Amino acid sequence: MNVIAELRVPPLYRGDRQAACPVCGQFDELTLIIDSEDASETPAFMRCDDGHQWAEPAVPRRIGAGLFALRLRDHPELIDWSAVQDG
């Protein structure tokens, strides 16, 4: 089942590059938009608290897919299925 979901994440890095909103600079508590079946190196979409959304080169989509799989396996009770869209 392909799922599109959102997950609040702590600061994320890839090498020395930190994920941050290109408009307002927010870097903590960003929302990662996840496609559960996209394990590619394509930049993942992220959103800050001000609603800015962008493709973040520091975070490949495979990271989101992996985080979702771990959450589903280890803590499915923490998933708010009302906010999840079946793809």
PDB file of N, CA and C in Angstrom:
ATOM      1  N   MET A   1       0.852  -1.182   0.000  1.00  0.00           N
ATOM      2  CA  MET A   1       0.000   0.000   0.000  1.00  0.00           C
ATOM      3  C   MET A   1       0.892   1.237   0.000  1.00  0.00           C
ATOM      4  N   ASN A   2       0.747   2.079  -1.001  1.00  0.00           N
ATOM      5  CA  ASN A   2       1.473   3.330  -1.063  1.00  0.00           C
ATOM      6  C   ASN A   2       0.758   4.355  -0.185  1.00  0.00           C
ATOM      7  N   VAL A   3       1.527   5.020   0.681  1.00  0.00           N
ATOM      8  CA  VAL A   3       0.963   5.983   1.612  1.00  0.00           C
ATOM      9  C   VAL A   3       1.727   7.295   1.482  1.00  0.00           C
ATOM     10  N   ILE A   4       0.989   8.399   1.466  1.00  0.00           N
ATOM     11  CA  ILE A   4       1.573   9.739   1.555  1.00  0.00           C
ATOM     12  C   ILE A   4       1.283  10.222   2.972  1.00  0.00           C
ATOM     13  N   ALA A   5       2.337  10.575   3.685  1.00  0.00           N
ATOM     14  CA  ALA A   5       2.169  10.947   5.091  1.00  0.00           C
ATOM     15  C   ALA A   5       3.074  12.125   5.425  1.00  0.00           C
ATOM     16  N   GLU A   6       2.897  12.664   6.614  1.00  0.00           N
ATOM     17  CA  GLU A   6       3.724  13.763   7.104  1.00  0.00           C
ATOM     18  C   GLU A   6       4.295  13.373   8.453  1.00  0.00           C
ATOM     19  N   LEU A   7       5.539  13.770   8.693  1.00  0.00           N
ATOM     20  CA  LEU A   7       6.206  13.442   9.945  1.00  0.00           C
ATOM     21  C   LEU A   7       7.033  14.640  10.392  1.00  0.00           C
ATOM     22  N   ARG A   8       6.830  15.072  11.641  1.00  0.00           N
ATOM     23  CA  ARG A   8       7.664  16.141  12.213  1.00  0.00           C
ATOM     24  C   ARG A   8       9.010  15.526  12.545  1.00  0.00           C
ATOM     25  N   VAL A   9      10.085  16.204  12.152  1.00  0.00           N
ATOM     26  CA  VAL A   9      11.417  15.639  12.334  1.00  0.00           C
ATOM     27  C   VAL A   9      12.333  16.620  13.065  1.00  0.00           C
ATOM     28  N   PRO A  10      13.328  16.083  13.786  1.00  0.00           N
ATOM     29  CA  PRO A  10      14.345  16.947  14.394  1.00  0.00           C
ATOM     30  C   PRO A  10      15.247  17.489  13.291  1.00  0.00           C
ATOM     31  N   PRO A  11      16.206  18.338  13.620  1.00  0.00           N
ATOM     32  CA  PRO A  11      17.121  18.832  12.588  1.00  0.00           C
ATOM     33  C   PRO A  11      17.765  17.675  11.817  1.00  0.00           C
ATOM     34  N   LEU A  12      17.792  17.802  10.488  1.00  0.00           N
ATOM     35  CA  LEU A  12      18.342  16.764   9.617  1.00  0.00           C
ATOM     36  C   LEU A  12      19.558  17.305   8.882  1.00  0.00           C
ATOM     37  N   TYR A  13      20.545  16.445   8.697  1.00  0.00           N
ATOM     38  CA  TYR A  13      21.787  16.813   8.015  1.00  0.00           C
ATOM     39  C   TYR A  13      22.134  15.765   6.972  1.00  0.00           C
ATOM     40  N   ARG A  14      22.832  16.184   5.940  1.00  0.00           N
ATOM     41  CA  ARG A  14      23.460  15.279   4.986  1.00  0.00           C
ATOM     42  C   ARG A  14      24.855  15.847   4.778  1.00  0.00           C
ATOM     43  N   GLY A  15      25.838  15.147   5.346  1.00  0.00           N
ATOM     44  CA  GLY A  15      27.184  15.705   5.373  1.00  0.00           C
ATOM     45  C   GLY A  15      27.169  16.958   6.234  1.00  0.00           C
ATOM     46  N   ASP A  16      27.650  18.053   5.700  1.00  0.00           N
ATOM     47  CA  ASP A  16      27.644  19.304   6.457  1.00  0.00           C
ATOM     48  C   ASP A  16      26.468  20.208   6.093  1.00  0.00           C
ATOM     49  N   ARG A  17      25.555  19.707   5.264  1.00  0.00           N
ATOM     50  CA  ARG A  17      24.388  20.495   4.849  1.00  0.00           C
ATOM     51  C   ARG A  17      23.197  20.191   5.738  1.00  0.00           C
ATOM     52  N   GLN A  18      22.653  21.230   6.366  1.00  0.00           N
ATOM     53  CA  GLN A  18      21.490  21.074   7.224  1.00  0.00           C
ATOM     54  C   GLN A  18      20.230  21.423   6.447  1.00  0.00           C
ATOM     55  N   ALA A  19      19.197  20.630   6.630  1.00  0.00           N
ATOM     56  CA  ALA A  19      17.902  20.932   6.028  1.00  0.00           C
ATOM     57  C   ALA A  19      17.333  22.176   6.706  1.00  0.00           C
ATOM     58  N   ALA A  20      16.937  23.159   5.901  1.00  0.00           N
ATOM     59  CA  ALA A  20      16.374  24.402   6.440  1.00  0.00           C
ATOM     60  C   ALA A  20      15.482  25.037   5.384  1.00  0.00           C
ATOM     61  N   CYS A  21      14.475  25.757   5.844  1.00  0.00           N
ATOM     62  CA  CYS A  21      13.581  26.458   4.934  1.00  0.00           C
ATOM     63  C   CYS A  21      14.367  27.525   4.179  1.00  0.00           C
ATOM     64  N   PRO A  22      14.292  27.526   2.858  1.00  0.00           N
ATOM     65  CA  PRO A  22      15.032  28.525   2.086  1.00  0.00           C
ATOM     66  C   PRO A  22      14.443  29.933   2.193  1.00  0.00           C
ATOM     67  N   VAL A  23      13.229  30.051   2.741  1.00  0.00           N
ATOM     68  CA  VAL A  23      12.587  31.366   2.852  1.00  0.00           C
ATOM     69  C   VAL A  23      12.811  31.975   4.235  1.00  0.00           C
ATOM     70  N   CYS A  24      12.477  31.216   5.295  1.00  0.00           N
ATOM     71  CA  CYS A  24      12.553  31.784   6.644  1.00  0.00           C
ATOM     72  C   CYS A  24      13.700  31.229   7.483  1.00  0.00           C
ATOM     73  N   GLY A  25      14.341  30.163   7.024  1.00  0.00           N
ATOM     74  CA  GLY A  25      15.498  29.622   7.730  1.00  0.00           C
ATOM     75  C   GLY A  25      15.198  28.613   8.827  1.00  0.00           C
ATOM     76  N   GLN A  26      13.928  28.304   9.081  1.00  0.00           N
ATOM     77  CA  GLN A  26      13.611  27.323  10.123  1.00  0.00           C
ATOM     78  C   GLN A  26      14.319  26.004   9.814  1.00  0.00           C
ATOM     79  N   PHE A  27      14.918  25.394  10.849  1.00  0.00           N
ATOM     80  CA  PHE A  27      15.642  24.139  10.651  1.00  0.00           C
ATOM     81  C   PHE A  27      15.223  23.046  11.626  1.00  0.00           C
ATOM     82  N   ASP A  28      14.466  23.381  12.651  1.00  0.00           N
ATOM     83  CA  ASP A  28      14.025  22.367  13.602  1.00  0.00           C
ATOM     84  C   ASP A  28      12.517  22.190  13.499  1.00  0.00           C
ATOM     85  N   GLU A  29      12.074  20.991  13.858  1.00  0.00           N
ATOM     86  CA  GLU A  29      10.642  20.674  13.825  1.00  0.00           C
ATOM     87  C   GLU A  29      10.023  20.912  12.450  1.00  0.00           C
ATOM     88  N   LEU A  30      10.757  20.580  11.401  1.00  0.00           N
ATOM     89  CA  LEU A  30      10.213  20.664  10.046  1.00  0.00           C
ATOM     90  C   LEU A  30       9.298  19.468   9.808  1.00  0.00           C
ATOM     91  N   THR A  31       8.413  19.593   8.845  1.00  0.00           N
ATOM     92  CA  THR A  31       7.544  18.495   8.461  1.00  0.00           C
ATOM     93  C   THR A  31       8.099  17.861   7.197  1.00  0.00           C
ATOM     94  N   LEU A  32       8.351  16.564   7.273  1.00  0.00           N
ATOM     95  CA  LEU A  32       8.825  15.784   6.137  1.00  0.00           C
ATOM     96  C   LEU A  32       7.619  15.138   5.478  1.00  0.00           C
ATOM     97  N   ILE A  33       7.448  15.348   4.193  1.00  0.00           N
ATOM     98  CA  ILE A  33       6.333  14.760   3.451  1.00  0.00           C
ATOM     99  C   ILE A  33       6.839  13.461   2.837  1.00  0.00           C
ATOM    100  N   ILE A  34       6.187  12.373   3.194  1.00  0.00           N
ATOM    101  CA  ILE A  34       6.681  11.029   2.900  1.00  0.00           C
ATOM    102  C   ILE A  34       5.806  10.326   1.878  1.00  0.00           C
ATOM    103  N   ASP A  35       6.457   9.707   0.900  1.00  0.00           N
ATOM    104  CA  ASP A  35       5.828   8.736   0.004  1.00  0.00           C
ATOM    105  C   ASP A  35       6.426   7.397   0.415  1.00  0.00           C
ATOM    106  N   SER A  36       5.624   6.534   1.012  1.00  0.00           N
ATOM    107  CA  SER A  36       6.130   5.310   1.632  1.00  0.00           C
ATOM    108  C   SER A  36       6.837   4.369   0.664  1.00  0.00           C
ATOM    109  N   GLU A  37       6.612   4.517  -0.633  1.00  0.00           N
ATOM    110  CA  GLU A  37       7.231   3.612  -1.592  1.00  0.00           C
ATOM    111  C   GLU A  37       8.328   4.261  -2.435  1.00  0.00           C
ATOM    112  N   ASP A  38       8.667   5.497  -2.146  1.00  0.00           N
ATOM    113  CA  ASP A  38       9.692   6.194  -2.926  1.00  0.00           C
ATOM    114  C   ASP A  38      11.023   6.140  -2.180  1.00  0.00           C
ATOM    115  N   ALA A  39      11.869   5.200  -2.570  1.00  0.00           N
ATOM    116  CA  ALA A  39      13.180   5.031  -1.936  1.00  0.00           C
ATOM    117  C   ALA A  39      14.283   5.628  -2.806  1.00  0.00           C
ATOM    118  N   SER A  40      13.960   6.674  -3.536  1.00  0.00           N
ATOM    119  CA  SER A  40      14.919   7.278  -4.470  1.00  0.00           C
ATOM    120  C   SER A  40      15.812   8.303  -3.773  1.00  0.00           C
ATOM    121  N   GLU A  41      16.778   8.793  -4.517  1.00  0.00           N
ATOM    122  CA  GLU A  41      17.671   9.851  -4.040  1.00  0.00           C
ATOM    123  C   GLU A  41      17.116  11.236  -4.368  1.00  0.00           C
ATOM    124  N   THR A  42      15.931  11.301  -4.955  1.00  0.00           N
ATOM    125  CA  THR A  42      15.284  12.580  -5.276  1.00  0.00           C
ATOM    126  C   THR A  42      15.050  13.359  -3.985  1.00  0.00           C
ATOM    127  N   PRO A  43      15.296  14.667  -3.980  1.00  0.00           N
ATOM    128  CA  PRO A  43      15.058  15.449  -2.762  1.00  0.00           C
ATOM    129  C   PRO A  43      13.613  15.324  -2.269  1.00  0.00           C
ATOM    130  N   ALA A  44      13.490  15.154  -0.955  1.00  0.00           N
ATOM    131  CA  ALA A  44      12.173  15.039  -0.328  1.00  0.00           C
ATOM    132  C   ALA A  44      11.540  16.424  -0.179  1.00  0.00           C
ATOM    133  N   PHE A  45      10.222  16.448  -0.154  1.00  0.00           N
ATOM    134  CA  PHE A  45       9.514  17.697   0.114  1.00  0.00           C
ATOM    135  C   PHE A  45       9.418  17.898   1.605  1.00  0.00           C
ATOM    136  N   MET A  46       9.613  19.153   2.016  1.00  0.00           N
ATOM    137  CA  MET A  46       9.522  19.523   3.419  1.00  0.00           C
ATOM    138  C   MET A  46       8.682  20.786   3.528  1.00  0.00           C
ATOM    139  N   ARG A  47       8.202  21.029   4.766  1.00  0.00           N
ATOM    140  CA  ARG A  47       7.395  22.226   5.019  1.00  0.00           C
ATOM    141  C   ARG A  47       7.758  22.768   6.406  1.00  0.00           C
ATOM    142  N   CYS A  48       7.857  24.090   6.503  1.00  0.00           N
ATOM    143  CA  CYS A  48       8.126  24.734   7.790  1.00  0.00           C
ATOM    144  C   CYS A  48       6.796  25.157   8.424  1.00  0.00           C
ATOM    145  N   ASP A  49       6.891  25.697   9.638  1.00  0.00           N
ATOM    146  CA  ASP A  49       5.681  26.115  10.358  1.00  0.00           C
ATOM    147  C   ASP A  49       4.956  27.280   9.689  1.00  0.00           C
ATOM    148  N   ASP A  50       5.670  28.049   8.861  1.00  0.00           N
ATOM    149  CA  ASP A  50       5.032  29.164   8.154  1.00  0.00           C
ATOM    150  C   ASP A  50       4.342  28.723   6.867  1.00  0.00           C
ATOM    151  N   GLY A  51       4.425  27.411   6.554  1.00  0.00           N
ATOM    152  CA  GLY A  51       3.751  26.879   5.373  1.00  0.00           C
ATOM    153  C   GLY A  51       4.580  26.897   4.098  1.00  0.00           C
ATOM    154  N   HIS A  52       5.848  27.297   4.202  1.00  0.00           N
ATOM    155  CA  HIS A  52       6.719  27.241   3.017  1.00  0.00           C
ATOM    156  C   HIS A  52       7.025  25.777   2.717  1.00  0.00           C
ATOM    157  N   GLN A  53       6.963  25.390   1.477  1.00  0.00           N
ATOM    158  CA  GLN A  53       7.241  24.007   1.075  1.00  0.00           C
ATOM    159  C   GLN A  53       8.312  24.011  -0.013  1.00  0.00           C
ATOM    160  N   TRP A  54       9.241  23.054   0.055  1.00  0.00           N
ATOM    161  CA  TRP A  54      10.348  23.004  -0.900  1.00  0.00           C
ATOM    162  C   TRP A  54      10.881  21.577  -0.994  1.00  0.00           C
ATOM    163  N   ALA A  55      11.639  21.323  -2.057  1.00  0.00           N
ATOM    164  CA  ALA A  55      12.358  20.063  -2.220  1.00  0.00           C
ATOM    165  C   ALA A  55      13.726  20.252  -1.565  1.00  0.00           C
ATOM    166  N   GLU A  56      14.019  19.444  -0.554  1.00  0.00           N
ATOM    167  CA  GLU A  56      15.232  19.614   0.253  1.00  0.00           C
ATOM    168  C   GLU A  56      16.346  18.669  -0.193  1.00  0.00           C
ATOM    169  N   PRO A  57      17.418  19.204  -0.807  1.00  0.00           N
ATOM    170  CA  PRO A  57      18.509  18.369  -1.303  1.00  0.00           C
ATOM    171  C   PRO A  57      19.240  17.585  -0.213  1.00  0.00           C
ATOM    172  N   ALA A  58      19.181  18.040   1.034  1.00  0.00           N
ATOM    173  CA  ALA A  58      19.869  17.343   2.122  1.00  0.00           C
ATOM    174  C   ALA A  58      19.131  16.083   2.571  1.00  0.00           C
ATOM    175  N   VAL A  59      17.897  15.900   2.103  1.00  0.00           N
ATOM    176  CA  VAL A  59      17.089  14.765   2.566  1.00  0.00           C
ATOM    177  C   VAL A  59      16.516  14.011   1.364  1.00  0.00           C
ATOM    178  N   PRO A  60      17.105  12.866   1.019  1.00  0.00           N
ATOM    179  CA  PRO A  60      16.548  12.075  -0.082  1.00  0.00           C
ATOM    180  C   PRO A  60      15.239  11.401   0.342  1.00  0.00           C
ATOM    181  N   ARG A  61      14.379  11.142  -0.622  1.00  0.00           N
ATOM    182  CA  ARG A  61      13.068  10.551  -0.324  1.00  0.00           C
ATOM    183  C   ARG A  61      13.177   9.191   0.353  1.00  0.00           C
ATOM    184  N   ARG A  62      14.288   8.469   0.127  1.00  0.00           N
ATOM    185  CA  ARG A  62      14.450   7.162   0.766  1.00  0.00           C
ATOM    186  C   ARG A  62      14.460   7.284   2.288  1.00  0.00           C
ATOM    187  N   ILE A  63      14.914   8.435   2.809  1.00  0.00           N
ATOM    188  CA  ILE A  63      14.923   8.647   4.261  1.00  0.00           C
ATOM    189  C   ILE A  63      13.489   8.644   4.804  1.00  0.00           C
ATOM    190  N   GLY A  64      12.604   9.359   4.143  1.00  0.00           N
ATOM    191  CA  GLY A  64      11.203   9.387   4.570  1.00  0.00           C
ATOM    192  C   GLY A  64      10.556   8.020   4.505  1.00  0.00           C
ATOM    193  N   ALA A  65      10.809   7.294   3.406  1.00  0.00           N
ATOM    194  CA  ALA A  65      10.243   5.951   3.263  1.00  0.00           C
ATOM    195  C   ALA A  65      10.752   5.049   4.378  1.00  0.00           C
ATOM    196  N   GLY A  66      12.034   5.168   4.712  1.00  0.00           N
ATOM    197  CA  GLY A  66      12.607   4.359   5.785  1.00  0.00           C
ATOM    198  C   GLY A  66      12.048   4.723   7.147  1.00  0.00           C
ATOM    199  N   LEU A  67      11.904   6.019   7.423  1.00  0.00           N
ATOM    200  CA  LEU A  67      11.329   6.453   8.696  1.00  0.00           C
ATOM    201  C   LEU A  67       9.890   5.972   8.852  1.00  0.00           C
ATOM    202  N   PHE A  68       9.120   6.047   7.765  1.00  0.00           N
ATOM    203  CA  PHE A  68       7.737   5.588   7.824  1.00  0.00           C
ATOM    204  C   PHE A  68       7.688   4.086   8.095  1.00  0.00           C
ATOM    205  N   ALA A  69       8.546   3.306   7.419  1.00  0.00           N
ATOM    206  CA  ALA A  69       8.572   1.851   7.627  1.00  0.00           C
ATOM    207  C   ALA A  69       8.925   1.514   9.078  1.00  0.00           C
ATOM    208  N   LEU A  70       9.892   2.235   9.650  1.00  0.00           N
ATOM    209  CA  LEU A  70      10.249   1.997  11.048  1.00  0.00           C
ATOM    210  C   LEU A  70       9.103   2.342  11.990  1.00  0.00           C
ATOM    211  N   ARG A  71       8.469   3.471  11.750  1.00  0.00           N
ATOM    212  CA  ARG A  71       7.331   3.867  12.598  1.00  0.00           C
ATOM    213  C   ARG A  71       6.205   2.847  12.488  1.00  0.00           C
ATOM    214  N   LEU A  72       5.930   2.392  11.285  1.00  0.00           N
ATOM    215  CA  LEU A  72       4.874   1.405  11.071  1.00  0.00           C
ATOM    216  C   LEU A  72       5.200   0.098  11.785  1.00  0.00           C
ATOM    217  N   ARG A  73       6.464  -0.299  11.737  1.00  0.00           N
ATOM    218  CA  ARG A  73       6.877  -1.555  12.367  1.00  0.00           C
ATOM    219  C   ARG A  73       6.932  -1.449  13.889  1.00  0.00           C
ATOM    220  N   ASP A  74       7.537  -0.378  14.396  1.00  0.00           N
ATOM    221  CA  ASP A  74       7.823  -0.281  15.820  1.00  0.00           C
ATOM    222  C   ASP A  74       6.765   0.442  16.648  1.00  0.00           C
ATOM    223  N   HIS A  75       6.097   1.418  16.047  1.00  0.00           N
ATOM    224  CA  HIS A  75       5.126   2.224  16.807  1.00  0.00           C
ATOM    225  C   HIS A  75       3.917   2.603  15.953  1.00  0.00           C
ATOM    226  N   PRO A  76       3.192   1.627  15.429  1.00  0.00           N
ATOM    227  CA  PRO A  76       2.041   1.966  14.575  1.00  0.00           C
ATOM    228  C   PRO A  76       0.972   2.773  15.309  1.00  0.00           C
ATOM    229  N   GLU A  77       0.950   2.678  16.628  1.00  0.00           N
ATOM    230  CA  GLU A  77      -0.035   3.434  17.401  1.00  0.00           C
ATOM    231  C   GLU A  77       0.221   4.942  17.337  1.00  0.00           C
ATOM    232  N   LEU A  78       1.428   5.347  16.927  1.00  0.00           N
ATOM    233  CA  LEU A  78       1.753   6.769  16.827  1.00  0.00           C
ATOM    234  C   LEU A  78       1.372   7.379  15.484  1.00  0.00           C
ATOM    235  N   ILE A  79       0.898   6.561  14.560  1.00  0.00           N
ATOM    236  CA  ILE A  79       0.513   7.075  13.249  1.00  0.00           C
ATOM    237  C   ILE A  79      -0.926   7.569  13.297  1.00  0.00           C
ATOM    238  N   ASP A  80      -1.101   8.808  12.911  1.00  0.00           N
ATOM    239  CA  ASP A  80      -2.447   9.392  12.836  1.00  0.00           C
ATOM    240  C   ASP A  80      -2.986   9.075  11.447  1.00  0.00           C
ATOM    241  N   TRP A  81      -3.740   7.994  11.342  1.00  0.00           N
ATOM    242  CA  TRP A  81      -4.221   7.540  10.032  1.00  0.00           C
ATOM    243  C   TRP A  81      -5.222   8.507   9.414  1.00  0.00           C
ATOM    244  N   SER A  82      -5.791   9.406  10.221  1.00  0.00           N
ATOM    245  CA  SER A  82      -6.721  10.390   9.662  1.00  0.00           C
ATOM    246  C   SER A  82      -5.982  11.384   8.781  1.00  0.00           C
ATOM    247  N   ALA A  83      -4.677  11.536   9.003  1.00  0.00           N
ATOM    248  CA  ALA A  83      -3.876  12.494   8.222  1.00  0.00           C
ATOM    249  C   ALA A  83      -3.127  11.820   7.085  1.00  0.00           C
ATOM    250  N   VAL A  84      -3.299  10.511   6.936  1.00  0.00           N
ATOM    251  CA  VAL A  84      -2.588   9.746   5.916  1.00  0.00           C
ATOM    252  C   VAL A  84      -3.483   9.579   4.702  1.00  0.00           C
ATOM    253  N   GLN A  85      -2.891   9.703   3.523  1.00  0.00           N
ATOM    254  CA  GLN A  85      -3.640   9.524   2.270  1.00  0.00           C
ATOM    255  C   GLN A  85      -3.148   8.269   1.581  1.00  0.00           C
ATOM    256  N   ASP A  86      -4.068   7.420   1.174  1.00  0.00           N
ATOM    257  CA  ASP A  86      -3.693   6.253   0.375  1.00  0.00           C
ATOM    258  C   ASP A  86      -3.388   6.718  -1.026  1.00  0.00           C
ATOM    259  N   GLY A  87      -2.262   6.250  -1.577  1.00  0.00           N
ATOM    260  CA  GLY A  87      -1.863   6.653  -2.919  1.00  0.00           C
ATOM    261  C   GLY A  87      -2.223   5.660  -3.962  1.00  0.00           C
TER     262      GLY A  87
END
